[in-house]
Amino acid sequence: MPALIEAVEVANAVRDGDLRQSFAERGYVGPVPLFSQRECGRILARLRRDQARPPLDWHKGSAPTSLEHFGLATDDRVLDLVTALIGEDVLLWGTYLVKREIGQVHPWHTDIESSSPDAETVTVWIGLANTTARSSLTVVPFSHRFGLTAQEVMMEKGADPERVSDDDVANWARERDRRSGVELVGAVDGEALLFDGRLWHGSRNRARRGQRYAVLLQYATPRTAIRIPRRAVLPFDWHRTPRPPCIVVSGSDVGALNRLVPGPTPRHGSRMTAVSARIHPLELPLEQDPEAGWKAHSLFRGATPDVKEMRCHASVLDPDRQPHPPHRHDDEEVLVILDGEADLVWGDAGDPARTVKHRAERGTFAYYPAGFPHTIHNPTGEPVTYLMFKWRTDRRERGDDLEQSLVPLPATRAGTRGDAVKDFSAKRVLDGQTRYLRHLHSHLTTLQPGAGYAPHVDAYDVGIVVLEGIVETLGEQVGPNGVIFYAAGEPHGMKNVGDGPAVYLVFEFHGRHSTRYAPSDRRLSRGLWAVARDPRLLKRALAHRLRLLVRSVRRRVTLR
């Protein structure tokens, strides 16, 4: 077991320390093990089944229409590598399931869409079926820095692309960089090759049996303009319209160079609607229910491209009432006091001795993790109005979860407004990973009169509560207590159109609704039980796993 732990630590260190440098210098890294054989089978089955769903506008436009393509492209194992290579702001612009027959050749080329000398892109090629060292990609290291595509060099040499040999390509490459040549990557099923979009590459399926399947996932920074090729031969030409649909899958895009679209909305039954960008002005006081002593006013509920289910409602609670005893639920939750004061009650109703009350006034908010016991009580003589965001996904993040938090904002808000020299200022008030979110972030923003920011797109959902002033967004004006929601992938901007500073509370919900390809817990448990009952199977399984880890480490260490 110590050897196993050491292998994992070495692999992590190599990946974290050397990937970006190797990619920048040689133009590619890999093969990098990503998926098991079983996962490859499930990925391929889902992608093939989803081929009936037409791509958007061109053959690489499946991500906006297919949850399977989008889910694979945003899988943590893939996207973490991509952001390590080209930064946190990332667009997904192309996905494609590639099938190659035995003996089929894909001639040497540079991808036209990413062939610009200043392009900042990365292509992830993952073998899914019948991928062997003889059938995977062949690349030319350092060619991303040549300033010429493979097609241009072949035209310069007067060579027929269909008849060019690997030796010809190697000689042409060494004329430009003596360190270069032709390298067979040697990937197998479940392993990925990540390469710069300007790299010369090609493939020949030298496998002895079976069709080779691989998936192509293509990314770029927002600084790179991506266009659909009009013709595949020189001179290159691109369509002006339509531009390829791009999805912001990490960070934000403020460049407006590309056509941005939201990712596909998860399907969760016929009753679940899709939530898009919206504004909900709230005129206080809200309608009350004297008989019940509590009334909820639903604002929206549905799925977004980033979260399985997002809900928002505003409630009014009468004096000396509480909506329910302390309870638990599977949703995560943010509660914001809009008007009045209340006691936030934390603890289990079955154990009053461990119940704690926190007084909260206007502007204070609380975060509740899933399963945390809580309720709210109004001990004052006036109604209290509060807003709630509630969300859940079908996946759980790994790591330490953010604990329940109480964030009083009045003092923070005054301090932020005091900084009048800045047109725009933001103060972070909550930040961390939750069970359902890679990242839950909140900040308090102050916008001076006339100040604002241009429309941009984020890879995450954003909820905003206006506390003071008047802002304009999505073509409408929003005043105090108004609620604004931007779904991931939708453009939005903001401007202060009032006479005084505008202060608003921002919540960023960094979810990632990616498809799960791993076997279910039940199937996995049955498999482990079968292995545990037979010591020979257990020994064989551990030996196989150790061999895979050692091979992975050796390949990563030899990356140059």
Protein backbone atom coordinates (compact mmCIF):
# COMPACT_ATOMS: atom_id res chain seq x y z
CA MET A 1 0.00 0.00 0.00
CA PRO A 2 2.81 2.58 0.65
CA ALA A 3 4.02 2.01 -2.91
CA LEU A 4 0.50 2.67 -4.15
CA ILE A 5 0.29 5.96 -2.22
CA GLU A 6 3.71 7.03 -3.47
CA ALA A 7 2.71 6.34 -7.08
CA VAL A 8 -0.37 8.52 -6.73
CA GLU A 9 1.62 11.36 -5.15
CA VAL A 10 4.26 11.26 -7.89
CA ALA A 11 1.59 11.26 -10.59
CA ASN A 12 -0.13 14.29 -9.06
CA ALA A 13 3.14 16.17 -8.67
CA VAL A 14 4.17 15.52 -12.26
CA ARG A 15 0.81 16.60 -13.63
CA ASP A 16 0.54 19.75 -11.56
CA GLY A 17 4.14 20.84 -12.07
CA ASP A 18 4.99 19.99 -15.65
CA LEU A 19 1.86 19.86 -17.79
CA ARG A 20 1.65 23.53 -18.69
CA GLN A 21 5.37 23.88 -19.40
CA SER A 22 5.44 20.76 -21.56
CA PHE A 23 2.32 21.84 -23.43
CA ALA A 24 3.68 25.32 -24.13
CA GLU A 25 7.04 24.00 -25.34
CA ARG A 26 6.15 20.85 -27.27
CA GLY A 27 2.57 21.60 -28.23
CA TYR A 28 1.04 18.53 -26.62
CA VAL A 29 0.95 16.39 -23.48
CA GLY A 30 -0.08 12.79 -23.06
CA PRO A 31 -1.21 10.20 -23.05
CA VAL A 32 -2.93 11.03 -19.76
CA PRO A 33 -5.11 8.28 -18.18
CA LEU A 34 -8.63 9.62 -17.57
CA PHE A 35 -11.28 6.90 -17.78
CA SER A 36 -11.51 3.20 -16.99
CA GLN A 37 -12.42 0.61 -19.60
CA ARG A 38 -15.94 0.40 -18.19
CA GLU A 39 -16.37 4.16 -18.30
CA CYS A 40 -15.18 4.21 -21.93
CA GLY A 41 -17.88 1.71 -22.82
CA ARG A 42 -20.55 3.77 -21.13
CA ILE A 43 -19.33 7.03 -22.68
CA LEU A 44 -19.30 5.53 -26.17
CA ALA A 45 -22.74 3.96 -25.75
CA ARG A 46 -24.23 7.28 -24.65
CA LEU A 47 -22.55 9.32 -27.37
CA ARG A 48 -23.64 6.89 -30.09
CA ARG A 49 -27.17 6.81 -28.74
CA ASP A 50 -27.25 10.62 -28.73
CA GLN A 51 -26.20 10.86 -32.39
CA ALA A 52 -29.89 11.03 -33.29
CA ARG A 53 -29.90 14.51 -31.72
CA PRO A 54 -28.69 16.89 -34.48
CA PRO A 55 -25.78 19.24 -33.71
CA LEU A 56 -26.29 22.99 -33.84
CA ASP A 57 -25.26 24.62 -37.16
CA TRP A 58 -22.29 22.36 -37.98
CA HIS A 59 -20.91 18.87 -37.39
CA LYS A 60 -18.97 19.93 -34.26
CA GLY A 61 -21.96 21.68 -32.64
CA SER A 62 -23.24 18.86 -30.42
CA ALA A 63 -22.40 20.39 -27.02
CA PRO A 64 -25.30 22.91 -27.01
CA THR A 65 -27.84 20.20 -27.96
CA SER A 66 -26.50 17.06 -26.28
CA LEU A 67 -26.21 16.67 -22.54
CA GLU A 68 -23.88 13.70 -23.13
CA HIS A 69 -21.36 15.72 -25.15
CA PHE A 70 -21.62 18.68 -22.78
CA GLY A 71 -21.36 16.48 -19.70
CA LEU A 72 -18.21 14.78 -20.95
CA ALA A 73 -16.61 18.09 -21.96
CA THR A 74 -17.24 19.52 -18.47
CA ASP A 75 -16.19 16.41 -16.54
CA ASP A 76 -13.78 17.45 -13.79
CA ARG A 77 -11.07 15.11 -15.04
CA VAL A 78 -11.11 16.77 -18.45
CA LEU A 79 -11.80 20.39 -17.59
CA ASP A 80 -9.24 20.53 -14.78
CA LEU A 81 -6.54 19.61 -17.30
CA VAL A 82 -7.78 22.15 -19.83
CA THR A 83 -7.79 25.02 -17.32
CA ALA A 84 -4.32 24.00 -16.17
CA LEU A 85 -3.09 24.46 -19.75
CA ILE A 86 -4.86 27.61 -21.00
CA GLY A 87 -6.22 29.33 -17.89
CA GLU A 88 -9.49 29.67 -16.01
CA ASP A 89 -11.48 31.45 -18.75
CA VAL A 90 -12.41 28.70 -21.22
CA LEU A 91 -14.86 28.31 -24.11
CA LEU A 92 -16.01 24.95 -25.44
CA TRP A 93 -16.41 25.36 -29.20
CA GLY A 94 -16.45 21.85 -30.66
CA THR A 95 -17.21 18.23 -29.83
CA TYR A 96 -17.22 15.30 -32.22
CA LEU A 97 -17.36 11.51 -32.08
CA VAL A 98 -14.69 10.17 -34.45
CA LYS A 99 -14.92 6.73 -36.08
CA ARG A 100 -12.05 5.24 -38.09
CA GLU A 101 -12.22 1.98 -40.04
CA ILE A 102 -9.32 -0.48 -40.09
CA GLY A 103 -6.59 0.98 -42.29
CA GLN A 104 -8.31 4.35 -42.60
CA VAL A 105 -5.93 7.31 -42.82
CA HIS A 106 -6.53 10.87 -41.67
CA PRO A 107 -3.86 12.82 -43.62
CA TRP A 108 -1.43 15.19 -41.98
CA HIS A 109 -3.11 18.51 -41.26
CA THR A 110 -3.62 21.42 -38.90
CA ASP A 111 -7.15 22.05 -37.68
CA ILE A 112 -8.39 24.99 -39.74
CA GLU A 113 -10.57 26.49 -37.00
CA SER A 114 -7.60 26.88 -34.64
CA SER A 115 -4.82 27.48 -37.18
CA SER A 116 -4.36 31.21 -36.55
CA PRO A 117 -0.80 31.92 -35.33
CA ASP A 118 -2.12 33.71 -32.23
CA ALA A 119 -4.82 31.15 -31.38
CA GLU A 120 -4.97 29.94 -27.77
CA THR A 121 -6.68 26.57 -27.96
CA VAL A 122 -6.42 23.02 -26.72
CA THR A 123 -7.92 19.91 -28.28
CA VAL A 124 -8.59 16.86 -26.09
CA TRP A 125 -8.59 13.57 -28.02
CA ILE A 126 -9.75 10.57 -25.96
CA GLY A 127 -9.64 6.97 -27.19
CA LEU A 128 -12.85 5.08 -26.42
CA ALA A 129 -12.76 1.77 -28.30
CA ASN A 130 -10.05 -0.26 -30.10
CA THR A 131 -7.46 2.42 -29.41
CA THR A 132 -3.97 0.94 -29.34
CA ALA A 133 -0.42 2.23 -29.53
CA ARG A 134 -0.56 1.44 -33.27
CA SER A 135 -3.86 3.16 -33.95
CA SER A 136 -3.72 6.42 -32.01
CA LEU A 137 -2.63 9.86 -33.20
CA THR A 138 0.72 10.84 -34.68
CA VAL A 139 1.98 14.35 -33.96
CA VAL A 140 4.83 16.71 -34.80
CA PRO A 141 6.21 18.27 -31.59
CA PHE A 142 7.04 22.00 -31.69
CA SER A 143 5.02 22.46 -34.91
CA HIS A 144 2.56 24.79 -33.17
CA ARG A 145 5.35 27.38 -33.24
CA PHE A 146 6.24 27.02 -36.93
CA GLY A 147 3.87 29.77 -38.06
CA LEU A 148 2.69 27.58 -40.95
CA THR A 149 0.05 24.88 -41.11
CA ALA A 150 0.83 21.40 -42.37
CA GLN A 151 -1.36 22.12 -45.39
CA GLU A 152 0.64 25.23 -46.29
CA VAL A 153 3.96 23.38 -46.09
CA MET A 154 2.65 20.56 -48.29
CA MET A 155 1.50 23.11 -50.88
CA GLU A 156 4.88 24.81 -50.66
CA LYS A 157 6.57 21.46 -51.34
CA GLY A 158 4.13 20.56 -54.11
CA ALA A 159 3.18 17.36 -52.26
CA ASP A 160 -0.10 15.45 -52.45
CA PRO A 161 -1.50 15.27 -48.88
CA GLU A 162 -2.86 11.77 -49.54
CA ARG A 163 0.62 10.47 -50.45
CA VAL A 164 2.82 12.31 -47.96
CA SER A 165 4.83 9.91 -45.79
CA ASP A 166 5.78 10.29 -42.16
CA ASP A 167 9.41 10.64 -43.23
CA ASP A 168 8.53 13.57 -45.49
CA VAL A 169 6.72 15.33 -42.65
CA ALA A 170 9.60 14.63 -40.23
CA ASN A 171 12.15 16.14 -42.65
CA TRP A 172 10.03 19.25 -43.23
CA ALA A 173 9.58 19.68 -39.49
CA ARG A 174 13.33 19.38 -38.76
CA GLU A 175 14.00 22.11 -41.33
CA ARG A 176 12.14 24.42 -38.97
CA ASP A 177 13.21 22.94 -35.63
CA ARG A 178 15.89 20.27 -35.40
CA ARG A 179 14.29 18.94 -32.20
CA SER A 180 11.12 18.08 -34.07
CA GLY A 181 10.08 14.98 -36.00
CA VAL A 182 7.16 12.59 -36.01
CA GLU A 183 5.96 10.89 -32.83
CA LEU A 184 3.32 8.19 -32.40
CA VAL A 185 1.52 9.04 -29.17
CA GLY A 186 0.64 5.44 -28.31
CA ALA A 187 -2.56 6.09 -26.35
CA VAL A 188 -4.99 3.33 -25.41
CA ASP A 189 -8.67 3.39 -24.49
CA GLY A 190 -9.40 5.85 -21.68
CA GLU A 191 -6.25 7.89 -22.26
CA ALA A 192 -6.23 11.45 -23.55
CA LEU A 193 -3.92 13.44 -25.76
CA LEU A 194 -4.11 17.20 -25.24
CA PHE A 195 -2.61 19.28 -28.03
CA ASP A 196 -2.40 22.85 -29.23
CA GLY A 197 -4.84 23.49 -32.08
CA ARG A 198 -1.98 24.67 -34.32
CA LEU A 199 -0.11 21.36 -34.02
CA TRP A 200 0.51 19.19 -37.09
CA HIS A 201 -1.11 15.81 -36.61
CA GLY A 202 -2.67 12.87 -38.40
CA SER A 203 -3.66 9.26 -37.80
CA ARG A 204 -3.74 5.81 -39.36
CA ASN A 205 -5.83 3.05 -37.81
CA ARG A 206 -3.27 0.27 -37.82
CA ALA A 207 -5.37 -1.89 -35.50
CA ARG A 208 -5.87 -5.47 -36.62
CA ARG A 209 -9.55 -5.55 -35.78
CA GLY A 210 -12.51 -3.33 -35.02
CA GLN A 211 -13.45 0.25 -35.70
CA ARG A 212 -11.58 2.79 -33.60
CA TYR A 213 -13.73 5.28 -31.74
CA ALA A 214 -12.45 8.47 -30.13
CA VAL A 215 -14.05 11.69 -28.98
CA LEU A 216 -12.76 15.14 -29.82
CA LEU A 217 -13.31 18.01 -27.36
CA GLN A 218 -12.07 21.45 -28.44
CA TYR A 219 -11.56 24.51 -26.24
CA ALA A 220 -10.27 28.07 -26.59
CA THR A 221 -9.69 31.17 -24.52
CA PRO A 222 -12.14 34.08 -25.01
CA ARG A 223 -9.31 35.96 -26.74
CA THR A 224 -9.43 33.52 -29.67
CA ALA A 225 -11.99 33.98 -32.46
CA ILE A 226 -13.39 30.65 -33.71
CA ARG A 227 -15.09 30.42 -37.11
CA ILE A 228 -16.60 27.64 -39.25
CA PRO A 229 -14.40 26.77 -42.27
CA ARG A 230 -15.95 27.40 -45.67
CA ARG A 231 -13.47 25.14 -47.44
CA ALA A 232 -11.05 22.46 -46.26
CA VAL A 233 -8.27 23.22 -48.79
CA LEU A 234 -6.02 26.19 -49.34
CA PRO A 235 -6.54 29.06 -49.38
CA PHE A 236 -8.45 28.74 -46.11
CA ASP A 237 -11.72 30.60 -45.90
CA TRP A 238 -14.34 30.87 -43.15
CA HIS A 239 -18.08 31.53 -43.02
CA ARG A 240 -19.02 34.94 -41.68
CA THR A 241 -22.29 33.48 -40.40
CA PRO A 242 -23.21 31.45 -38.62
CA ARG A 243 -20.40 31.56 -36.15
CA PRO A 244 -19.91 28.30 -34.23
CA PRO A 245 -21.85 28.12 -30.96
CA CYS A 246 -19.46 28.44 -28.01
CA ILE A 247 -20.23 27.67 -24.37
CA VAL A 248 -18.39 29.30 -21.46
CA VAL A 249 -17.43 26.26 -19.38
CA SER A 250 -15.04 27.98 -16.97
CA GLY A 251 -14.65 31.57 -15.78
CA SER A 252 -16.11 34.36 -17.91
CA ASP A 253 -16.01 35.84 -21.40
CA VAL A 254 -15.85 39.61 -21.78
CA GLY A 255 -14.36 39.76 -25.28
CA ALA A 256 -17.50 39.22 -27.38
CA LEU A 257 -15.38 37.74 -30.20
CA ASN A 258 -17.47 34.59 -30.43
CA ARG A 259 -21.10 33.54 -30.52
CA LEU A 260 -21.99 32.42 -27.02
CA VAL A 261 -24.86 30.07 -26.22
CA PRO A 262 -25.94 28.36 -22.99
CA GLY A 263 -25.23 24.71 -22.41
CA PRO A 264 -28.05 22.17 -22.65
CA THR A 265 -30.48 22.18 -19.75
CA PRO A 266 -30.55 18.90 -17.79
CA ARG A 267 -33.63 16.77 -18.34
CA HIS A 268 -35.38 15.94 -15.08
CA GLY A 269 -38.89 14.93 -16.01
CA SER A 270 -41.67 16.73 -17.82
CA ARG A 271 -42.49 19.05 -14.89
CA MET A 272 -39.03 20.61 -14.64
CA THR A 273 -38.79 23.82 -16.65
CA ALA A 274 -35.62 25.59 -17.74
CA VAL A 275 -34.73 28.78 -15.88
CA SER A 276 -33.31 31.66 -17.91
CA ALA A 277 -32.20 35.19 -17.00
CA ARG A 278 -34.94 37.15 -15.26
CA ILE A 279 -35.85 40.09 -13.00
CA HIS A 280 -38.31 40.05 -10.12
CA PRO A 281 -39.05 43.48 -8.59
CA LEU A 282 -40.41 43.06 -5.07
CA GLU A 283 -42.76 45.74 -3.77
CA LEU A 284 -42.89 45.56 0.04
CA PRO A 285 -44.91 44.86 2.03
CA LEU A 286 -45.78 41.51 0.48
CA GLU A 287 -49.20 39.95 0.90
CA GLN A 288 -49.60 38.14 4.23
CA ASP A 289 -51.66 35.13 5.34
CA PRO A 290 -53.21 36.09 8.72
CA GLU A 291 -54.50 32.57 9.33
CA ALA A 292 -51.26 30.71 8.71
CA GLY A 293 -49.03 33.55 9.92
CA TRP A 294 -46.61 32.89 7.05
CA LYS A 295 -46.86 33.19 3.29
CA ALA A 296 -44.35 32.23 0.58
CA HIS A 297 -44.27 33.99 -2.81
CA SER A 298 -42.57 31.81 -5.43
CA LEU A 299 -40.35 33.68 -7.90
CA PHE A 300 -38.96 30.84 -10.02
CA ARG A 301 -38.05 27.16 -10.01
CA GLY A 302 -36.34 24.99 -12.60
CA ALA A 303 -33.13 23.59 -14.08
CA THR A 304 -30.21 25.61 -15.42
CA PRO A 305 -27.28 24.48 -17.58
CA ASP A 306 -25.20 24.47 -14.38
CA VAL A 307 -27.53 23.23 -11.62
CA LYS A 308 -30.13 20.45 -11.58
CA GLU A 309 -32.71 22.52 -9.71
CA MET A 310 -32.71 26.16 -8.62
CA ARG A 311 -35.56 27.71 -6.61
CA CYS A 312 -36.18 31.19 -5.29
CA HIS A 313 -39.02 32.56 -3.19
CA ALA A 314 -39.73 35.50 -0.91
CA SER A 315 -41.68 34.97 2.33
CA VAL A 316 -43.36 37.18 4.89
CA LEU A 317 -43.58 35.99 8.52
CA ASP A 318 -45.99 37.51 11.01
CA PRO A 319 -44.98 38.56 14.57
CA ASP A 320 -44.38 35.74 17.06
CA ARG A 321 -44.64 33.05 14.40
CA GLN A 322 -42.37 30.54 12.73
CA PRO A 323 -43.19 28.63 9.51
CA HIS A 324 -42.24 25.21 10.90
CA PRO A 325 -40.13 23.57 13.63
CA PRO A 326 -36.40 23.15 12.92
CA HIS A 327 -36.16 20.78 9.96
CA ARG A 328 -33.62 19.29 7.55
CA HIS A 329 -33.75 18.96 3.77
CA ASP A 330 -31.52 17.86 0.92
CA ASP A 331 -31.33 21.32 -0.65
CA GLU A 332 -28.61 23.82 0.09
CA GLU A 333 -29.95 27.25 0.94
CA VAL A 334 -29.21 30.94 1.28
CA LEU A 335 -31.62 33.11 3.33
CA VAL A 336 -31.47 36.93 3.05
CA ILE A 337 -33.40 39.24 5.39
CA LEU A 338 -35.04 41.95 3.23
CA ASP A 339 -37.08 43.81 5.85
CA GLY A 340 -37.49 43.63 9.63
CA GLU A 341 -35.69 41.41 12.13
CA ALA A 342 -35.88 37.70 12.94
CA ASP A 343 -34.19 34.98 14.95
CA LEU A 344 -32.50 32.34 12.82
CA VAL A 345 -32.92 29.15 14.84
CA TRP A 346 -30.22 26.52 14.42
CA GLY A 347 -30.52 23.09 15.95
CA ASP A 348 -32.73 20.03 16.16
CA ALA A 349 -36.26 20.47 17.53
CA GLY A 350 -35.81 17.19 19.42
CA ASP A 351 -32.93 18.64 21.45
CA PRO A 352 -33.88 22.17 22.64
CA ALA A 353 -30.77 22.38 24.81
CA ARG A 354 -28.62 22.47 21.67
CA THR A 355 -30.76 25.00 19.83
CA VAL A 356 -29.08 28.35 19.12
CA LYS A 357 -30.76 31.60 18.03
CA HIS A 358 -29.05 34.28 15.95
CA ARG A 359 -30.67 37.69 15.57
CA ALA A 360 -30.61 38.86 11.95
CA GLU A 361 -31.65 42.24 10.56
CA ARG A 362 -32.06 43.63 7.06
CA GLY A 363 -29.14 42.74 4.80
CA THR A 364 -27.95 39.81 6.93
CA PHE A 365 -27.87 36.44 5.20
CA ALA A 366 -27.25 32.83 6.22
CA TYR A 367 -25.99 29.81 4.32
CA TYR A 368 -27.32 26.36 5.27
CA PRO A 369 -25.66 23.15 4.03
CA ALA A 370 -27.82 20.22 3.00
CA GLY A 371 -29.15 18.38 6.06
CA PHE A 372 -28.51 21.24 8.50
CA PRO A 373 -31.43 21.70 11.00
CA HIS A 374 -32.87 25.23 10.99
CA THR A 375 -35.95 27.43 11.02
CA ILE A 376 -36.79 31.13 11.42
CA HIS A 377 -38.83 32.85 14.17
CA ASN A 378 -40.15 36.39 14.31
CA PRO A 379 -39.90 37.63 17.94
CA THR A 380 -40.75 41.26 17.08
CA GLY A 381 -44.02 43.10 16.73
CA GLU A 382 -43.62 43.71 12.97
CA PRO A 383 -43.63 41.30 9.98
CA VAL A 384 -40.27 40.14 8.62
CA THR A 385 -39.66 39.55 4.92
CA TYR A 386 -36.88 37.31 3.66
CA LEU A 387 -35.65 35.81 0.40
CA MET A 388 -34.40 32.26 -0.18
CA PHE A 389 -32.29 30.64 -2.90
CA LYS A 390 -32.41 26.84 -2.74
CA TRP A 391 -30.57 24.44 -5.05
CA ARG A 392 -29.50 20.84 -5.54
CA THR A 393 -27.68 18.76 -8.15
CA ASP A 394 -27.29 15.06 -8.83
CA ARG A 395 -23.61 14.99 -7.94
CA ARG A 396 -21.55 15.54 -4.85
CA GLU A 397 -18.25 17.38 -4.81
CA ARG A 398 -15.24 15.93 -3.04
CA GLY A 399 -13.48 17.80 -0.30
CA ASP A 400 -14.35 19.88 2.73
CA ASP A 401 -17.82 21.41 2.62
CA LEU A 402 -18.59 24.98 3.64
CA GLU A 403 -20.23 24.99 7.07
CA GLN A 404 -23.36 26.93 8.03
CA SER A 405 -22.57 30.63 8.04
CA LEU A 406 -24.18 33.84 9.27
CA VAL A 407 -23.05 36.99 7.45
CA PRO A 408 -24.20 40.35 8.88
CA LEU A 409 -23.85 43.00 6.20
CA PRO A 410 -24.83 46.44 7.57
CA ALA A 411 -21.31 47.34 8.79
CA THR A 412 -19.73 45.79 5.71
CA ARG A 413 -22.08 47.73 3.45
CA ALA A 414 -21.24 51.05 5.13
CA GLY A 415 -17.55 50.37 4.78
CA THR A 416 -17.92 49.55 1.10
CA ARG A 417 -19.88 52.72 0.38
CA GLY A 418 -17.20 54.80 2.04
CA ASP A 419 -14.80 54.01 -0.80
CA ALA A 420 -16.13 56.71 -3.11
CA VAL A 421 -13.01 56.95 -5.27
CA LYS A 422 -13.90 53.74 -7.11
CA ASP A 423 -16.77 53.52 -9.59
CA PHE A 424 -17.02 49.84 -8.84
CA SER A 425 -15.99 48.04 -5.65
CA ALA A 426 -16.72 44.53 -4.39
CA LYS A 427 -16.05 42.95 -1.01
CA ARG A 428 -16.03 39.18 -0.62
CA VAL A 429 -18.26 37.99 2.21
CA LEU A 430 -18.54 34.19 1.65
CA ASP A 431 -16.49 31.70 -0.28
CA GLY A 432 -16.15 27.92 -0.28
CA GLN A 433 -17.05 24.54 -1.71
CA THR A 434 -20.34 22.90 -0.84
CA ARG A 435 -21.76 19.42 -1.23
CA TYR A 436 -23.38 20.36 -4.54
CA LEU A 437 -21.24 23.24 -5.80
CA ARG A 438 -17.60 23.39 -6.78
CA HIS A 439 -17.75 26.93 -5.49
CA LEU A 440 -20.27 29.13 -3.67
CA HIS A 441 -19.11 32.73 -3.70
CA SER A 442 -20.78 35.88 -2.43
CA HIS A 443 -19.67 39.49 -2.55
CA LEU A 444 -21.19 42.86 -1.77
CA THR A 445 -20.90 45.31 -4.66
CA THR A 446 -21.14 49.09 -4.65
CA LEU A 447 -21.71 50.83 -7.98
CA GLN A 448 -21.40 54.61 -8.15
CA PRO A 449 -23.91 56.70 -10.18
CA GLY A 450 -23.37 56.23 -13.91
CA ALA A 451 -20.91 53.36 -13.40
CA GLY A 452 -21.41 49.85 -14.70
CA TYR A 453 -19.88 47.08 -16.75
CA ALA A 454 -20.41 45.77 -20.28
CA PRO A 455 -22.33 42.57 -21.00
CA HIS A 456 -20.38 39.39 -20.46
CA VAL A 457 -21.04 35.68 -19.98
CA ASP A 458 -20.24 33.53 -16.95
CA ALA A 459 -19.92 29.75 -16.72
CA TYR A 460 -22.01 29.75 -13.54
CA ASP A 461 -25.44 30.90 -12.32
CA VAL A 462 -25.65 34.29 -10.58
CA GLY A 463 -28.29 35.54 -8.15
CA ILE A 464 -28.42 39.21 -7.11
CA VAL A 465 -30.41 41.02 -4.42
CA VAL A 466 -30.50 44.83 -4.73
CA LEU A 467 -30.20 46.45 -1.31
CA GLU A 468 -29.92 50.14 -2.19
CA GLY A 469 -30.18 52.31 -5.31
CA ILE A 470 -31.43 51.60 -8.82
CA VAL A 471 -29.61 49.52 -11.45
CA GLU A 472 -30.42 48.69 -15.03
CA THR A 473 -29.90 45.20 -16.48
CA LEU A 474 -31.55 43.05 -19.14
CA GLY A 475 -33.26 46.22 -20.40
CA GLU A 476 -35.11 46.91 -17.13
CA GLN A 477 -34.58 48.97 -13.99
CA VAL A 478 -34.44 47.26 -10.63
CA GLY A 479 -34.76 48.98 -7.26
CA PRO A 480 -34.30 47.95 -3.61
CA ASN A 481 -35.34 44.37 -2.76
CA GLY A 482 -35.41 43.44 -6.46
CA VAL A 483 -34.07 40.01 -7.41
CA ILE A 484 -31.98 39.38 -10.52
CA PHE A 485 -30.99 35.95 -11.83
CA TYR A 486 -28.57 35.16 -14.67
CA ALA A 487 -28.41 31.54 -15.81
CA ALA A 488 -25.01 30.19 -16.80
CA GLY A 489 -24.09 31.05 -20.38
CA GLU A 490 -26.39 34.06 -20.76
CA PRO A 491 -24.98 37.56 -21.47
CA HIS A 492 -25.62 40.25 -18.90
CA GLY A 493 -24.33 43.67 -17.87
CA MET A 494 -25.16 46.26 -15.23
CA LYS A 495 -25.38 50.04 -14.84
CA ASN A 496 -26.28 52.35 -11.95
CA VAL A 497 -29.03 54.64 -13.29
CA GLY A 498 -29.90 56.24 -9.93
CA ASP A 499 -28.70 59.40 -8.22
CA GLY A 500 -26.84 57.62 -5.41
CA PRO A 501 -24.67 54.54 -4.99
CA ALA A 502 -26.25 51.19 -5.78
CA VAL A 503 -25.46 48.37 -3.38
CA TYR A 504 -26.29 44.77 -4.20
CA LEU A 505 -25.50 41.32 -2.87
CA VAL A 506 -24.17 38.80 -5.40
CA PHE A 507 -24.24 34.99 -5.13
CA GLU A 508 -22.27 32.90 -7.63
CA PHE A 509 -23.42 29.27 -7.89
CA HIS A 510 -20.54 27.38 -9.51
CA GLY A 511 -22.17 24.05 -10.22
CA ARG A 512 -21.25 21.56 -12.89
CA HIS A 513 -23.99 19.30 -14.13
CA SER A 514 -21.83 16.67 -15.84
CA THR A 515 -22.96 13.17 -16.72
CA ARG A 516 -21.82 10.42 -14.38
CA TYR A 517 -20.17 7.55 -16.23
CA ALA A 518 -18.98 5.61 -13.18
CA PRO A 519 -20.95 2.47 -12.21
CA SER A 520 -23.66 2.87 -9.61
CA ASP A 521 -22.85 2.21 -5.96
CA ARG A 522 -24.93 -0.96 -5.99
CA ARG A 523 -23.14 -2.47 -8.96
CA LEU A 524 -19.80 -1.43 -7.57
CA SER A 525 -20.60 -2.98 -4.19
CA ARG A 526 -21.54 -6.29 -5.83
CA GLY A 527 -18.26 -6.28 -7.72
CA LEU A 528 -16.17 -5.56 -4.62
CA TRP A 529 -18.03 -8.29 -2.68
CA ALA A 530 -17.26 -10.82 -5.41
CA VAL A 531 -13.59 -9.90 -5.31
CA ALA A 532 -13.43 -9.96 -1.51
CA ARG A 533 -14.82 -13.51 -1.38
CA ASP A 534 -11.99 -14.83 -3.56
CA PRO A 535 -8.44 -13.96 -2.40
CA ARG A 536 -7.08 -14.80 -5.84
CA LEU A 537 -9.37 -12.25 -7.47
CA LEU A 538 -8.43 -9.67 -4.84
CA LYS A 539 -4.72 -10.21 -5.42
CA ARG A 540 -5.17 -10.05 -9.19
CA ALA A 541 -7.25 -6.84 -8.97
CA LEU A 542 -4.71 -5.09 -6.74
CA ALA A 543 -1.82 -6.15 -8.98
CA HIS A 544 -3.64 -4.88 -12.06
CA ARG A 545 -4.41 -1.56 -10.42
CA LEU A 546 -0.81 -1.12 -9.33
CA ARG A 547 0.43 -1.85 -12.87
CA LEU A 548 -1.90 0.83 -14.25
CA LEU A 549 -0.65 3.37 -11.72
CA VAL A 550 3.01 2.60 -12.36
CA ARG A 551 2.49 2.86 -16.12
CA SER A 552 0.68 6.15 -15.64
CA VAL A 553 3.50 7.58 -13.53
CA ARG A 554 6.21 6.45 -15.95
CA ARG A 555 4.43 8.05 -18.89
CA ARG A 556 3.90 11.31 -17.05
CA VAL A 557 7.51 11.43 -15.84
CA THR A 558 8.78 10.96 -19.38
CA LEU A 559 6.76 13.93 -20.69
CA ARG A 560 9.24 16.40 -22.05
